[in-house]
Amino acid sequence: MLRSYGDQLIKAPNMDCLARNSVLFTRAFSQQALCGPSRTSFLTSRRPDTTKLWDVHYYWRRAAGNYTTLPQYFKEHGYHTESFGKIFHPGIVSGQSTDYPYSWSKPPYLPSTQQFKMKKVCPGSHGKLQMNIVCPVNVSTQPEKTLPDIQSTQHAVQFIENWSNLSQPFFLALGYHKPHVPFKFPENYLKFYPLDEIKLANYNIKALRLPSVAWNPWADLRKRDDVKSLNISFPYGPVPKHFQKLMIQCYYASVTYVDDLIGQVFAILNKKGLSNNTITILTGDHGWALGENQEWSKFSNSEVATRVPLMVSVPGMTGKSGVHSPPKYSSEHQYKTSQGLVELVDIFPSLVELAGLPPLKTCPRNSFNVTVCTEGHSFVPLIKNATLSPQSPSVIKNWKSAVFSQYPRPTLQPEADSDQPRAVDSRFMGYSMRTNSYRYTEWIQFYPNNFTVNWSKVFAKELYDHDTDTEEHVNVAADPKYQDIVIKLSIKLRQGWRNALPPTCT
C-alpha cells in the first residue's frame, strides 16, 4: 500500500522518495504470514521448517540450531549493530533478550509504551476508554504522552546524531509497529483520508471454492471491543461496510504516520552526511488483508497475506544517494522495478554481498549443526538488472522459478485459534508455492509430536491463476482444464525451494 506500488490514495512521500532511489521488488514474499516465524526466518535466512518456529512459543537457538543471524554476521565482521523497536519478535521467540548479545552490540531498545497494546487506551463510546482496533488518539492523553513508534524513532535518530566512530561501520535496524493492529496513531492523520474517499476492496466476498482449512477467521480483530460490539458471526462475518471503511481509513492513516517518522530518520542521515554511503532496505514481515475476499489481517497463505513491500537503496548503484528530501508528487515519477520472484530469506545473503562480506553458502539439506548458511539466494543480480535500460530479460528468465510460504492450522474447520495455533496443537500444514503464473497450495498432515509432515495425506488443494485472477477470487484446483497444471505444480511443490533456485546456484 504505497504510491510506488500503485496505490494513488496513500500519502507517504518519504517512503516514495526512498523508492525513487531504490530498486522495487514487485513480487516479494514472506515465508509465513505471522510476525515471530517470519522475522526469525528472514533474520536467519532459514525457512520455518528449519527454524522449527511456526508460532511464537520457541527460541530457534534452543528448538532448532545455533543459527547465525543477519545482524550477528555483520557484528562478527566488524560492524556496530543496534536495534530499535520491533526487529526480532520479543519474548520467548528471541530468547527473552531480543537475541542480545548474539546479534547486537548493545541491548536492543524496546519502546516502553508497547505494553499498552492490549489495554483500554482508545477513546470509546460515552467517554469510556476501550481496547479498540480503530484507535486514533490525542497523543498527549496516552500513557507517557507518547506512542511506541515515536519512541523508537527518537532513539534511532539519537543514535545516528551521536554516531562519530567513522572508522567502524554500523548496522542499524529500526522496526515500526504500525500499521500493525491496533490502528493506534495520532488522530490528526485522519485528515488525509476523508471517509467518503475510502473505497472497499474490489472483491470483498469470500473466495469461491476456498477450502475451510485455508480460511483465517481474523480472531485478532474479534478480541477488540469495537469489533465485539458489531456481533459479527463466526467464522466468516462479514464485517459491516461502514466499519470496513473505518479500518481501511485508519490503516492508511497509520502508514502516513509511520512515513513521517521515517522522514525524521532520513533527515538525520542527510544532516550527518551518511546518505551517500548507507545501504537502506525497507520491507515488512508479512502482508495484511483489508477486506479482500472477505479476509482481514494475515494468518494465511494468500497473496495479500504473504506479499510484502521490498525496496533496496544502494548509493551509486540504484541512485545518486540513499535518501533525499521528498519532492512534490508528480505523475511522471519513474521507478526501477524488478519482477523477479524474491523471498525474505534472500535479504541476508543479498546484504552480505552488497556490503562486500564473505558470501553465504546454500544450506545443506540437514543444516541444524551448520551455524552460517542460507536457504535463500542473493538478489543482487536483479538489482543490477533493474538499473539497466532496457533490462535484460534473460536475468529474470534464469532467476528463481518459484517462492514458498506456509501456514499451520489446528483443525480443518475454522476455530478460535485457527489464526495462531501453537505448534503442538497444529495438525495440518499449508504449503504454498508462487510461480510466475500461479499460486498453488496443498494442506497436508502435520504431526506435532515430532514436527514432521506426511505428504501422502493431502486434505485440500488451492490453485489460483494469476494470469487471469490476480486477486485470487476463484480456486480452480478442481477445474478439469487445470488438472495437468495441478499435477505439475504438485510435483514442483514437493521438490521444494532448492529445485526452484537459479540454475547457477550451488
Foldseek 3Di string as FASTA:
>chain_A
DDVVLPDPLFDQLFVVQLQLQWAWANFEWFFALDQQQRLVCLQLQHHCLQLVDQFQAAASCPPFHQAQTLQLVVVVVFAAEEEFEPRHPADRNCPNQVVPPNRHPDRYHYFPLVVCQQPQPAQDPPRGGWNALQGADQLCSGVVSHHGLVVRLVVLLVCLLPDDPPVTHYHYHYDDCPPPTSLYFHNVLLVSPPLVNFDADPAQAAFAPDFQLQDDQPLVNCVTPVNVVQVADPRQGQDDPSVLSSNVSSRSSRSNRVSVSVVSNLVSCVVSVNFQADKDKDKDSWAFDSRQNSDTGALGDFSRTTGMIIIIRGCPQSRVTSGDDRDDDDPPRDGQYFHANAYSSQPSQQVCVSVVHDGAAAADPRRSHPHTHHVGHHPVVRSNQSSDVVGDVVSRVLFFQKDKHKHFALDSHDDSCRRRDDLLRTFWMWIWIDGPFKIKIWIFGAHSVVGDTDLVGTDDMFMDGCVVCVSNRYGCCVPVVCVVVNVVVSVVSVVDRVVRGGPVHD
